[in-house]
Amino acid sequence: MRSRERGSSTVLVVAGIGVVLVLLTGALALVSAVAASHRARAAADLAALAAARVVVDGSDARHPCAVAAQVAGRNHAVVTSCAVAGEDVTVTVAAAVSWPGLGPARAQARAGP
């Protein structure tokens, strides 16, 4: 190895490690966003089904949207909108993404007979 090339491998290794760290960070952010999206969809589905059951059964004295909010909360999501039209219930929820700088994942579900 020539004396002027000495240390060039160190620079390449450091650059390679930097690229790997950037790719790993991006992959972790993507995984976090996908997990939050799945959590939001599941929470929206369950909240809409629970609220629709209250509407159809009429047995629960609570408002269907209150039931939807409770079910969404148990699934680590927050109801951002809830609408009851006849026997149909439409619920929109937001679930936090556990990666800094990313907004919440949102999902909407409708349930009824």
PDB file of N, CA and C in Angstrom:
ATOM      1  N   MET A   1       0.845  -1.162   0.000  1.00  0.00           N
ATOM      2  CA  MET A   1       0.000   0.000   0.000  1.00  0.00           C
ATOM      3  C   MET A   1       0.898   1.234   0.000  1.00  0.00           C
ATOM      4  N   ARG A   2       0.536   2.164  -0.799  1.00  0.00           N
ATOM      5  CA  ARG A   2       1.308   3.409  -0.873  1.00  0.00           C
ATOM      6  C   ARG A   2       1.019   4.262   0.356  1.00  0.00           C
ATOM      7  N   SER A   3       1.947   5.072   0.722  1.00  0.00           N
ATOM      8  CA  SER A   3       1.798   5.886   1.928  1.00  0.00           C
ATOM      9  C   SER A   3       0.695   6.925   1.787  1.00  0.00           C
ATOM     10  N   ARG A   4       0.417   7.402   0.564  1.00  0.00           N
ATOM     11  CA  ARG A   4      -0.643   8.404   0.394  1.00  0.00           C
ATOM     12  C   ARG A   4      -2.040   7.791   0.488  1.00  0.00           C
ATOM     13  N   GLU A   5      -2.151   6.466   0.368  1.00  0.00           N
ATOM     14  CA  GLU A   5      -3.449   5.786   0.462  1.00  0.00           C
ATOM     15  C   GLU A   5      -3.728   5.283   1.880  1.00  0.00           C
ATOM     16  N   ARG A   6      -2.770   5.463   2.737  1.00  0.00           N
ATOM     17  CA  ARG A   6      -2.912   4.980   4.103  1.00  0.00           C
ATOM     18  C   ARG A   6      -4.070   5.715   4.790  1.00  0.00           C
ATOM     19  N   GLY A   7      -4.982   4.945   5.431  1.00  0.00           N
ATOM     20  CA  GLY A   7      -6.126   5.533   6.129  1.00  0.00           C
ATOM     21  C   GLY A   7      -7.372   5.664   5.274  1.00  0.00           C
ATOM     22  N   SER A   8      -7.266   5.373   3.972  1.00  0.00           N
ATOM     23  CA  SER A   8      -8.450   5.505   3.110  1.00  0.00           C
ATOM     24  C   SER A   8      -9.502   4.453   3.443  1.00  0.00           C
ATOM     25  N   SER A   9      -9.086   3.306   3.921  1.00  0.00           N
ATOM     26  CA  SER A   9     -10.054   2.269   4.305  1.00  0.00           C
ATOM     27  C   SER A   9     -10.895   2.730   5.488  1.00  0.00           C
ATOM     28  N   THR A  10     -10.298   3.449   6.392  1.00  0.00           N
ATOM     29  CA  THR A  10     -11.022   3.957   7.551  1.00  0.00           C
ATOM     30  C   THR A  10     -12.151   4.881   7.119  1.00  0.00           C
ATOM     31  N   VAL A  11     -11.888   5.746   6.176  1.00  0.00           N
ATOM     32  CA  VAL A  11     -12.908   6.664   5.672  1.00  0.00           C
ATOM     33  C   VAL A  11     -14.040   5.883   5.017  1.00  0.00           C
ATOM     34  N   LEU A  12     -13.703   4.871   4.235  1.00  0.00           N
ATOM     35  CA  LEU A  12     -14.735   4.061   3.574  1.00  0.00           C
ATOM     36  C   LEU A  12     -15.575   3.291   4.591  1.00  0.00           C
ATOM     37  N   VAL A  13     -14.950   2.761   5.612  1.00  0.00           N
ATOM     38  CA  VAL A  13     -15.686   2.026   6.648  1.00  0.00           C
ATOM     39  C   VAL A  13     -16.626   2.966   7.400  1.00  0.00           C
ATOM     40  N   VAL A  14     -16.158   4.141   7.754  1.00  0.00           N
ATOM     41  CA  VAL A  14     -17.001   5.112   8.454  1.00  0.00           C
ATOM     42  C   VAL A  14     -18.175   5.528   7.571  1.00  0.00           C
ATOM     43  N   ALA A  15     -17.931   5.750   6.289  1.00  0.00           N
ATOM     44  CA  ALA A  15     -19.011   6.105   5.360  1.00  0.00           C
ATOM     45  C   ALA A  15     -20.010   4.956   5.242  1.00  0.00           C
ATOM     46  N   GLY A  16     -19.515   3.736   5.173  1.00  0.00           N
ATOM     47  CA  GLY A  16     -20.400   2.569   5.093  1.00  0.00           C
ATOM     48  C   GLY A  16     -21.267   2.428   6.333  1.00  0.00           C
ATOM     49  N   ILE A  17     -20.672   2.646   7.496  1.00  0.00           N
ATOM     50  CA  ILE A  17     -21.437   2.585   8.745  1.00  0.00           C
ATOM     51  C   ILE A  17     -22.506   3.672   8.759  1.00  0.00           C
ATOM     52  N   GLY A  18     -22.162   4.852   8.269  1.00  0.00           N
ATOM     53  CA  GLY A  18     -23.146   5.940   8.196  1.00  0.00           C
ATOM     54  C   GLY A  18     -24.325   5.584   7.312  1.00  0.00           C
ATOM     55  N   VAL A  19     -24.050   4.982   6.164  1.00  0.00           N
ATOM     56  CA  VAL A  19     -25.127   4.572   5.251  1.00  0.00           C
ATOM     57  C   VAL A  19     -26.008   3.519   5.913  1.00  0.00           C
ATOM     58  N   VAL A  20     -25.403   2.556   6.573  1.00  0.00           N
ATOM     59  CA  VAL A  20     -26.174   1.508   7.254  1.00  0.00           C
ATOM     60  C   VAL A  20     -27.052   2.115   8.348  1.00  0.00           C
ATOM     61  N   LEU A  21     -26.523   3.064   9.100  1.00  0.00           N
ATOM     62  CA  LEU A  21     -27.315   3.704  10.158  1.00  0.00           C
ATOM     63  C   LEU A  21     -28.495   4.485   9.593  1.00  0.00           C
ATOM     64  N   VAL A  22     -28.291   5.180   8.487  1.00  0.00           N
ATOM     65  CA  VAL A  22     -29.391   5.919   7.854  1.00  0.00           C
ATOM     66  C   VAL A  22     -30.468   4.953   7.367  1.00  0.00           C
ATOM     67  N   LEU A  23     -30.055   3.860   6.729  1.00  0.00           N
ATOM     68  CA  LEU A  23     -31.029   2.870   6.253  1.00  0.00           C
ATOM     69  C   LEU A  23     -31.777   2.219   7.414  1.00  0.00           C
ATOM     70  N   LEU A  24     -31.072   1.917   8.486  1.00  0.00           N
ATOM     71  CA  LEU A  24     -31.704   1.310   9.658  1.00  0.00           C
ATOM     72  C   LEU A  24     -32.708   2.266  10.297  1.00  0.00           C
ATOM     73  N   THR A  25     -32.356   3.526  10.386  1.00  0.00           N
ATOM     74  CA  THR A  25     -33.266   4.531  10.940  1.00  0.00           C
ATOM     75  C   THR A  25     -34.533   4.635  10.097  1.00  0.00           C
ATOM     76  N   GLY A  26     -34.379   4.658   8.783  1.00  0.00           N
ATOM     77  CA  GLY A  26     -35.539   4.708   7.892  1.00  0.00           C
ATOM     78  C   GLY A  26     -36.413   3.474   8.031  1.00  0.00           C
ATOM     79  N   ALA A  27     -35.785   2.310   8.150  1.00  0.00           N
ATOM     80  CA  ALA A  27     -36.551   1.071   8.299  1.00  0.00           C
ATOM     81  C   ALA A  27     -37.325   1.064   9.616  1.00  0.00           C
ATOM     82  N   LEU A  28     -36.706   1.529  10.687  1.00  0.00           N
ATOM     83  CA  LEU A  28     -37.397   1.572  11.979  1.00  0.00           C
ATOM     84  C   LEU A  28     -38.570   2.548  11.959  1.00  0.00           C
ATOM     85  N   ALA A  29     -38.397   3.680  11.296  1.00  0.00           N
ATOM     86  CA  ALA A  29     -39.501   4.640  11.181  1.00  0.00           C
ATOM     87  C   ALA A  29     -40.649   4.031  10.388  1.00  0.00           C
ATOM     88  N   LEU A  30     -40.331   3.318   9.319  1.00  0.00           N
ATOM     89  CA  LEU A  30     -41.360   2.672   8.503  1.00  0.00           C
ATOM     90  C   LEU A  30     -42.106   1.607   9.302  1.00  0.00           C
ATOM     91  N   VAL A  31     -41.386   0.793  10.033  1.00  0.00           N
ATOM     92  CA  VAL A  31     -42.018  -0.250  10.850  1.00  0.00           C
ATOM     93  C   VAL A  31     -42.932   0.378  11.900  1.00  0.00           C
ATOM     94  N   SER A  32     -42.493   1.453  12.508  1.00  0.00           N
ATOM     95  CA  SER A  32     -43.307   2.141  13.509  1.00  0.00           C
ATOM     96  C   SER A  32     -44.588   2.688  12.892  1.00  0.00           C
ATOM     97  N   ALA A  33     -44.483   3.270  11.709  1.00  0.00           N
ATOM     98  CA  ALA A  33     -45.661   3.824  11.036  1.00  0.00           C
ATOM     99  C   ALA A  33     -46.634   2.724  10.624  1.00  0.00           C
ATOM    100  N   VAL A  34     -46.122   1.616  10.124  1.00  0.00           N
ATOM    101  CA  VAL A  34     -46.989   0.504   9.716  1.00  0.00           C
ATOM    102  C   VAL A  34     -47.695  -0.096  10.931  1.00  0.00           C
ATOM    103  N   ALA A  35     -46.976  -0.252  12.031  1.00  0.00           N
ATOM    104  CA  ALA A  35     -47.593  -0.796  13.247  1.00  0.00           C
ATOM    105  C   ALA A  35     -48.706   0.120  13.750  1.00  0.00           C
ATOM    106  N   ALA A  36     -48.475   1.420  13.725  1.00  0.00           N
ATOM    107  CA  ALA A  36     -49.507   2.369  14.152  1.00  0.00           C
ATOM    108  C   ALA A  36     -50.703   2.338  13.215  1.00  0.00           C
ATOM    109  N   SER A  37     -50.454   2.154  11.933  1.00  0.00           N
ATOM    110  CA  SER A  37     -51.548   2.066  10.962  1.00  0.00           C
ATOM    111  C   SER A  37     -52.421   0.842  11.233  1.00  0.00           C
ATOM    112  N   HIS A  38     -51.791  -0.281  11.506  1.00  0.00           N
ATOM    113  CA  HIS A  38     -52.552  -1.496  11.830  1.00  0.00           C
ATOM    114  C   HIS A  38     -53.336  -1.319  13.128  1.00  0.00           C
ATOM    115  N   ARG A  39     -52.700  -0.689  14.109  1.00  0.00           N
ATOM    116  CA  ARG A  39     -53.374  -0.448  15.385  1.00  0.00           C
ATOM    117  C   ARG A  39     -54.576   0.474  15.197  1.00  0.00           C
ATOM    118  N   ALA A  40     -54.428   1.494  14.358  1.00  0.00           N
ATOM    119  CA  ALA A  40     -55.536   2.422  14.099  1.00  0.00           C
ATOM    120  C   ALA A  40     -56.680   1.712  13.387  1.00  0.00           C
ATOM    121  N   ARG A  41     -56.359   0.882  12.397  1.00  0.00           N
ATOM    122  CA  ARG A  41     -57.421   0.159  11.681  1.00  0.00           C
ATOM    123  C   ARG A  41     -58.179  -0.784  12.605  1.00  0.00           C
ATOM    124  N   ALA A  42     -57.445  -1.504  13.431  1.00  0.00           N
ATOM    125  CA  ALA A  42     -58.101  -2.430  14.361  1.00  0.00           C
ATOM    126  C   ALA A  42     -58.967  -1.670  15.360  1.00  0.00           C
ATOM    127  N   ALA A  43     -58.456  -0.569  15.879  1.00  0.00           N
ATOM    128  CA  ALA A  43     -59.223   0.226  16.843  1.00  0.00           C
ATOM    129  C   ALA A  43     -60.479   0.803  16.203  1.00  0.00           C
ATOM    130  N   ALA A  44     -60.373   1.277  14.965  1.00  0.00           N
ATOM    131  CA  ALA A  44     -61.541   1.831  14.276  1.00  0.00           C
ATOM    132  C   ALA A  44     -62.591   0.751  14.040  1.00  0.00           C
ATOM    133  N   ASP A  45     -62.156  -0.415  13.600  1.00  0.00           N
ATOM    134  CA  ASP A  45     -63.095  -1.518  13.361  1.00  0.00           C
ATOM    135  C   ASP A  45     -63.821  -1.913  14.643  1.00  0.00           C
ATOM    136  N   LEU A  46     -63.056  -2.119  15.704  1.00  0.00           N
ATOM    137  CA  LEU A  46     -63.666  -2.545  16.966  1.00  0.00           C
ATOM    138  C   LEU A  46     -64.572  -1.473  17.554  1.00  0.00           C
ATOM    139  N   ALA A  47     -64.163  -0.219  17.457  1.00  0.00           N
ATOM    140  CA  ALA A  47     -64.978   0.877  17.989  1.00  0.00           C
ATOM    141  C   ALA A  47     -66.286   1.001  17.222  1.00  0.00           C
ATOM    142  N   ALA A  48     -66.224   0.891  15.898  1.00  0.00           N
ATOM    143  CA  ALA A  48     -67.441   0.987  15.088  1.00  0.00           C
ATOM    144  C   ALA A  48     -68.385  -0.176  15.378  1.00  0.00           C
ATOM    145  N   LEU A  49     -67.842  -1.371  15.521  1.00  0.00           N
ATOM    146  CA  LEU A  49     -68.688  -2.532  15.829  1.00  0.00           C
ATOM    147  C   LEU A  49     -69.350  -2.393  17.200  1.00  0.00           C
ATOM    148  N   ALA A  50     -68.598  -1.946  18.183  1.00  0.00           N
ATOM    149  CA  ALA A  50     -69.167  -1.776  19.525  1.00  0.00           C
ATOM    150  C   ALA A  50     -70.259  -0.712  19.526  1.00  0.00           C
ATOM    151  N   ALA A  51     -70.019   0.391  18.829  1.00  0.00           N
ATOM    152  CA  ALA A  51     -71.019   1.459  18.771  1.00  0.00           C
ATOM    153  C   ALA A  51     -72.261   1.002  18.015  1.00  0.00           C
ATOM    154  N   ALA A  52     -72.073   0.254  16.938  1.00  0.00           N
ATOM    155  CA  ALA A  52     -73.221  -0.238  16.171  1.00  0.00           C
ATOM    156  C   ALA A  52     -74.051  -1.213  17.003  1.00  0.00           C
ATOM    157  N   ARG A  53     -73.388  -2.002  17.818  1.00  0.00           N
ATOM    158  CA  ARG A  53     -74.122  -2.930  18.690  1.00  0.00           C
ATOM    159  C   ARG A  53     -75.009  -2.165  19.663  1.00  0.00           C
ATOM    160  N   VAL A  54     -74.498  -1.057  20.197  1.00  0.00           N
ATOM    161  CA  VAL A  54     -75.289  -0.225  21.112  1.00  0.00           C
ATOM    162  C   VAL A  54     -76.504   0.335  20.384  1.00  0.00           C
ATOM    163  N   VAL A  55     -76.317   0.778  19.141  1.00  0.00           N
ATOM    164  CA  VAL A  55     -77.429   1.346  18.362  1.00  0.00           C
ATOM    165  C   VAL A  55     -78.484   0.285  18.090  1.00  0.00           C
ATOM    166  N   VAL A  56     -78.061  -0.874  17.646  1.00  0.00           N
ATOM    167  CA  VAL A  56     -79.006  -1.931  17.259  1.00  0.00           C
ATOM    168  C   VAL A  56     -79.705  -2.521  18.475  1.00  0.00           C
ATOM    169  N   ASP A  57     -78.948  -2.828  19.524  1.00  0.00           N
ATOM    170  CA  ASP A  57     -79.540  -3.440  20.722  1.00  0.00           C
ATOM    171  C   ASP A  57     -80.374  -2.442  21.507  1.00  0.00           C
ATOM    172  N   GLY A  58     -79.897  -1.230  21.588  1.00  0.00           N
ATOM    173  CA  GLY A  58     -80.598  -0.220  22.372  1.00  0.00           C
ATOM    174  C   GLY A  58     -80.596  -0.524  23.854  1.00  0.00           C
ATOM    175  N   SER A  59     -79.791  -1.487  24.271  1.00  0.00           N
ATOM    176  CA  SER A  59     -79.798  -1.912  25.669  1.00  0.00           C
ATOM    177  C   SER A  59     -78.882  -1.070  26.548  1.00  0.00           C
ATOM    178  N   ASP A  60     -77.901  -0.426  25.945  1.00  0.00           N
ATOM    179  CA  ASP A  60     -76.941   0.365  26.717  1.00  0.00           C
ATOM    180  C   ASP A  60     -77.426   1.807  26.782  1.00  0.00           C
ATOM    181  N   ALA A  61     -77.456   2.371  27.971  1.00  0.00           N
ATOM    182  CA  ALA A  61     -77.940   3.742  28.139  1.00  0.00           C
ATOM    183  C   ALA A  61     -76.928   4.772  27.637  1.00  0.00           C
ATOM    184  N   ARG A  62     -75.690   4.333  27.403  1.00  0.00           N
ATOM    185  CA  ARG A  62     -74.653   5.265  26.952  1.00  0.00           C
ATOM    186  C   ARG A  62     -74.813   5.573  25.465  1.00  0.00           C
ATOM    187  N   HIS A  63     -74.276   6.682  25.062  1.00  0.00           N
ATOM    188  CA  HIS A  63     -74.294   7.080  23.656  1.00  0.00           C
ATOM    189  C   HIS A  63     -73.317   6.183  22.885  1.00  0.00           C
ATOM    190  N   PRO A  64     -73.662   5.773  21.670  1.00  0.00           N
ATOM    191  CA  PRO A  64     -72.773   4.902  20.890  1.00  0.00           C
ATOM    192  C   PRO A  64     -71.363   5.471  20.714  1.00  0.00           C
ATOM    193  N   CYS A  65     -71.252   6.783  20.562  1.00  0.00           N
ATOM    194  CA  CYS A  65     -69.926   7.382  20.371  1.00  0.00           C
ATOM    195  C   CYS A  65     -69.091   7.320  21.646  1.00  0.00           C
ATOM    196  N   ALA A  66     -69.741   7.344  22.801  1.00  0.00           N
ATOM    197  CA  ALA A  66     -69.008   7.185  24.060  1.00  0.00           C
ATOM    198  C   ALA A  66     -68.446   5.771  24.164  1.00  0.00           C
ATOM    199  N   VAL A  67     -69.238   4.802  23.728  1.00  0.00           N
ATOM    200  CA  VAL A  67     -68.769   3.416  23.712  1.00  0.00           C
ATOM    201  C   VAL A  67     -67.609   3.277  22.733  1.00  0.00           C
ATOM    202  N   ALA A  68     -67.730   3.901  21.561  1.00  0.00           N
ATOM    203  CA  ALA A  68     -66.656   3.855  20.560  1.00  0.00           C
ATOM    204  C   ALA A  68     -65.369   4.452  21.123  1.00  0.00           C
ATOM    205  N   ALA A  69     -65.482   5.565  21.837  1.00  0.00           N
ATOM    206  CA  ALA A  69     -64.299   6.206  22.420  1.00  0.00           C
ATOM    207  C   ALA A  69     -63.644   5.314  23.465  1.00  0.00           C
ATOM    208  N   GLN A  70     -64.470   4.634  24.252  1.00  0.00           N
ATOM    209  CA  GLN A  70     -63.936   3.740  25.279  1.00  0.00           C
ATOM    210  C   GLN A  70     -63.192   2.567  24.642  1.00  0.00           C
ATOM    211  N   VAL A  71     -63.782   1.966  23.616  1.00  0.00           N
ATOM    212  CA  VAL A  71     -63.153   0.823  22.945  1.00  0.00           C
ATOM    213  C   VAL A  71     -61.871   1.262  22.236  1.00  0.00           C
ATOM    214  N   ALA A  72     -61.905   2.406  21.587  1.00  0.00           N
ATOM    215  CA  ALA A  72     -60.705   2.909  20.906  1.00  0.00           C
ATOM    216  C   ALA A  72     -59.590   3.172  21.915  1.00  0.00           C
ATOM    217  N   GLY A  73     -59.941   3.731  23.055  1.00  0.00           N
ATOM    218  CA  GLY A  73     -58.947   3.997  24.093  1.00  0.00           C
ATOM    219  C   GLY A  73     -58.276   2.736  24.596  1.00  0.00           C
ATOM    220  N   ARG A  74     -59.049   1.671  24.720  1.00  0.00           N
ATOM    221  CA  ARG A  74     -58.474   0.387  25.146  1.00  0.00           C
ATOM    222  C   ARG A  74     -57.499  -0.160  24.113  1.00  0.00           C
ATOM    223  N   ASN A  75     -57.634   0.306  22.877  1.00  0.00           N
ATOM    224  CA  ASN A  75     -56.756  -0.137  21.795  1.00  0.00           C
ATOM    225  C   ASN A  75     -55.723   0.932  21.432  1.00  0.00           C
ATOM    226  N   HIS A  76     -55.445   1.812  22.368  1.00  0.00           N
ATOM    227  CA  HIS A  76     -54.404   2.839  22.232  1.00  0.00           C
ATOM    228  C   HIS A  76     -54.649   3.767  21.046  1.00  0.00           C
ATOM    229  N   ALA A  77     -55.896   4.180  20.890  1.00  0.00           N
ATOM    230  CA  ALA A  77     -56.267   5.129  19.843  1.00  0.00           C
ATOM    231  C   ALA A  77     -57.265   6.123  20.423  1.00  0.00           C
ATOM    232  N   VAL A  78     -57.485   7.206  19.689  1.00  0.00           N
ATOM    233  CA  VAL A  78     -58.405   8.259  20.115  1.00  0.00           C
ATOM    234  C   VAL A  78     -59.416   8.482  19.002  1.00  0.00           C
ATOM    235  N   VAL A  79     -60.699   8.544  19.361  1.00  0.00           N
ATOM    236  CA  VAL A  79     -61.737   8.824  18.364  1.00  0.00           C
ATOM    237  C   VAL A  79     -61.651  10.299  17.991  1.00  0.00           C
ATOM    238  N   THR A  80     -61.509  10.568  16.685  1.00  0.00           N
ATOM    239  CA  THR A  80     -61.462  11.956  16.216  1.00  0.00           C
ATOM    240  C   THR A  80     -62.803  12.388  15.648  1.00  0.00           C
ATOM    241  N   SER A  81     -63.612  11.427  15.200  1.00  0.00           N
ATOM    242  CA  SER A  81     -64.983  11.751  14.793  1.00  0.00           C
ATOM    243  C   SER A  81     -65.833  10.496  14.891  1.00  0.00           C
ATOM    244  N   CYS A  82     -67.110  10.728  15.169  1.00  0.00           N
ATOM    245  CA  CYS A  82     -68.062   9.630  15.302  1.00  0.00           C
ATOM    246  C   CYS A  82     -69.413  10.146  14.832  1.00  0.00           C
ATOM    247  N   ALA A  83     -70.038   9.413  13.931  1.00  0.00           N
ATOM    248  CA  ALA A  83     -71.336   9.834  13.404  1.00  0.00           C
ATOM    249  C   ALA A  83     -72.281   8.642  13.393  1.00  0.00           C
ATOM    250  N   VAL A  84     -73.499   8.897  13.858  1.00  0.00           N
ATOM    251  CA  VAL A  84     -74.542   7.876  13.847  1.00  0.00           C
ATOM    252  C   VAL A  84     -75.608   8.331  12.862  1.00  0.00           C
ATOM    253  N   ALA A  85     -75.878   7.490  11.861  1.00  0.00           N
ATOM    254  CA  ALA A  85     -76.903   7.778  10.855  1.00  0.00           C
ATOM    255  C   ALA A  85     -77.818   6.563  10.774  1.00  0.00           C
ATOM    256  N   GLY A  86     -78.958   6.660  11.421  1.00  0.00           N
ATOM    257  CA  GLY A  86     -79.851   5.503  11.477  1.00  0.00           C
ATOM    258  C   GLY A  86     -79.211   4.427  12.329  1.00  0.00           C
ATOM    259  N   GLU A  87     -78.998   3.262  11.730  1.00  0.00           N
ATOM    260  CA  GLU A  87     -78.345   2.171  12.448  1.00  0.00           C
ATOM    261  C   GLU A  87     -76.875   2.025  12.061  1.00  0.00           C
ATOM    262  N   ASP A  88     -76.376   2.920  11.220  1.00  0.00           N
ATOM    263  CA  ASP A  88     -74.968   2.892  10.813  1.00  0.00           C
ATOM    264  C   ASP A  88     -74.148   3.833  11.689  1.00  0.00           C
ATOM    265  N   VAL A  89     -72.953   3.387  12.021  1.00  0.00           N
ATOM    266  CA  VAL A  89     -72.026   4.201  12.804  1.00  0.00           C
ATOM    267  C   VAL A  89     -70.718   4.293  12.030  1.00  0.00           C
ATOM    268  N   THR A  90     -70.215   5.505  11.870  1.00  0.00           N
ATOM    269  CA  THR A  90     -68.915   5.724  11.236  1.00  0.00           C
ATOM    270  C   THR A  90     -67.983   6.339  12.271  1.00  0.00           C
ATOM    271  N   VAL A  91     -66.839   5.696  12.458  1.00  0.00           N
ATOM    272  CA  VAL A  91     -65.880   6.126  13.471  1.00  0.00           C
ATOM    273  C   VAL A  91     -64.527   6.368  12.804  1.00  0.00           C
ATOM    274  N   THR A  92     -63.907   7.488  13.134  1.00  0.00           N
ATOM    275  CA  THR A  92     -62.544   7.781  12.689  1.00  0.00           C
ATOM    276  C   THR A  92     -61.670   7.879  13.928  1.00  0.00           C
ATOM    277  N   VAL A  93     -60.519   7.199  13.889  1.00  0.00           N
ATOM    278  CA  VAL A  93     -59.612   7.204  15.036  1.00  0.00           C
ATOM    279  C   VAL A  93     -58.209   7.617  14.599  1.00  0.00           C
ATOM    280  N   ALA A  94     -57.416   8.009  15.577  1.00  0.00           N
ATOM    281  CA  ALA A  94     -56.002   8.319  15.368  1.00  0.00           C
ATOM    282  C   ALA A  94     -55.193   7.545  16.401  1.00  0.00           C
ATOM    283  N   ALA A  95     -54.100   6.952  15.941  1.00  0.00           N
ATOM    284  CA  ALA A  95     -53.195   6.224  16.833  1.00  0.00           C
ATOM    285  C   ALA A  95     -51.802   6.830  16.702  1.00  0.00           C
ATOM    286  N   ALA A  96     -51.181   7.098  17.817  1.00  0.00           N
ATOM    287  CA  ALA A  96     -49.860   7.732  17.812  1.00  0.00           C
ATOM    288  C   ALA A  96     -48.813   6.795  17.225  1.00  0.00           C
ATOM    289  N   VAL A  97     -47.915   7.387  16.453  1.00  0.00           N
ATOM    290  CA  VAL A  97     -46.766   6.656  15.920  1.00  0.00           C
ATOM    291  C   VAL A  97     -45.623   6.866  16.907  1.00  0.00           C
ATOM    292  N   SER A  98     -44.959   5.790  17.273  1.00  0.00           N
ATOM    293  CA  SER A  98     -43.927   5.890  18.308  1.00  0.00           C
ATOM    294  C   SER A  98     -42.573   6.333  17.753  1.00  0.00           C
ATOM    295  N   TRP A  99     -42.585   7.090  16.672  1.00  0.00           N
ATOM    296  CA  TRP A  99     -41.343   7.618  16.102  1.00  0.00           C
ATOM    297  C   TRP A  99     -41.444   9.133  16.072  1.00  0.00           C
ATOM    298  N   PRO A 100     -40.455   9.833  16.600  1.00  0.00           N
ATOM    299  CA  PRO A 100     -40.522  11.296  16.648  1.00  0.00           C
ATOM    300  C   PRO A 100     -40.659  11.918  15.258  1.00  0.00           C
ATOM    301  N   GLY A 101     -41.506  12.919  15.178  1.00  0.00           N
ATOM    302  CA  GLY A 101     -41.659  13.650  13.928  1.00  0.00           C
ATOM    303  C   GLY A 101     -42.722  13.109  12.995  1.00  0.00           C
ATOM    304  N   LEU A 102     -43.238  11.929  13.271  1.00  0.00           N
ATOM    305  CA  LEU A 102     -44.292  11.365  12.427  1.00  0.00           C
ATOM    306  C   LEU A 102     -45.641  11.640  13.072  1.00  0.00           C
ATOM    307  N   GLY A 103     -46.598  12.050  12.265  1.00  0.00           N
ATOM    308  CA  GLY A 103     -47.941  12.317  12.757  1.00  0.00           C
ATOM    309  C   GLY A 103     -48.675  11.024  13.062  1.00  0.00           C
ATOM    310  N   PRO A 104     -49.860  11.140  13.641  1.00  0.00           N
ATOM    311  CA  PRO A 104     -50.617   9.938  14.000  1.00  0.00           C
ATOM    312  C   PRO A 104     -51.149   9.205  12.771  1.00  0.00           C
ATOM    313  N   ALA A 105     -51.329   7.904  12.933  1.00  0.00           N
ATOM    314  CA  ALA A 105     -51.962   7.094  11.894  1.00  0.00           C
ATOM    315  C   ALA A 105     -53.467   7.216  12.079  1.00  0.00           C
ATOM    316  N   ARG A 106     -54.191   7.381  10.993  1.00  0.00           N
ATOM    317  CA  ARG A 106     -55.643   7.553  11.061  1.00  0.00           C
ATOM    318  C   ARG A 106     -56.330   6.418  10.303  1.00  0.00           C
ATOM    319  N   ALA A 107     -57.513   6.057  10.792  1.00  0.00           N
ATOM    320  CA  ALA A 107     -58.304   5.023  10.126  1.00  0.00           C
ATOM    321  C   ALA A 107     -59.781   5.313  10.354  1.00  0.00           C
ATOM    322  N   GLN A 108     -60.594   4.864   9.415  1.00  0.00           N
ATOM    323  CA  GLN A 108     -62.042   5.058   9.510  1.00  0.00           C
ATOM    324  C   GLN A 108     -62.725   3.719   9.280  1.00  0.00           C
ATOM    325  N   ALA A 109     -63.804   3.489  10.013  1.00  0.00           N
ATOM    326  CA  ALA A 109     -64.575   2.258   9.857  1.00  0.00           C
ATOM    327  C   ALA A 109     -66.056   2.576   9.983  1.00  0.00           C
ATOM    328  N   ARG A 110     -66.863   1.803   9.278  1.00  0.00           N
ATOM    329  CA  ARG A 110     -68.313   1.945   9.345  1.00  0.00           C
ATOM    330  C   ARG A 110     -68.891   0.592   9.698  1.00  0.00           C
ATOM    331  N   ALA A 111     -69.895   0.592  10.564  1.00  0.00           N
ATOM    332  CA  ALA A 111     -70.549  -0.652  10.954  1.00  0.00           C
ATOM    333  C   ALA A 111     -72.039  -0.406  11.105  1.00  0.00           C
ATOM    334  N   GLY A 112     -72.778  -1.432  10.844  1.00  0.00           N
ATOM    335  CA  GLY A 112     -74.230  -1.380  10.968  1.00  0.00           C
ATOM    336  C   GLY A 112     -74.811  -2.673  10.433  1.00  0.00           C
ATOM    337  N   PRO A 113     -76.113  -2.819  10.542  1.00  0.00           N
ATOM    338  CA  PRO A 113     -76.726  -4.070  10.074  1.00  0.00           C
ATOM    339  C   PRO A 113     -76.716  -4.198   8.561  1.00  0.00           C
TER     340      PRO A 113
END
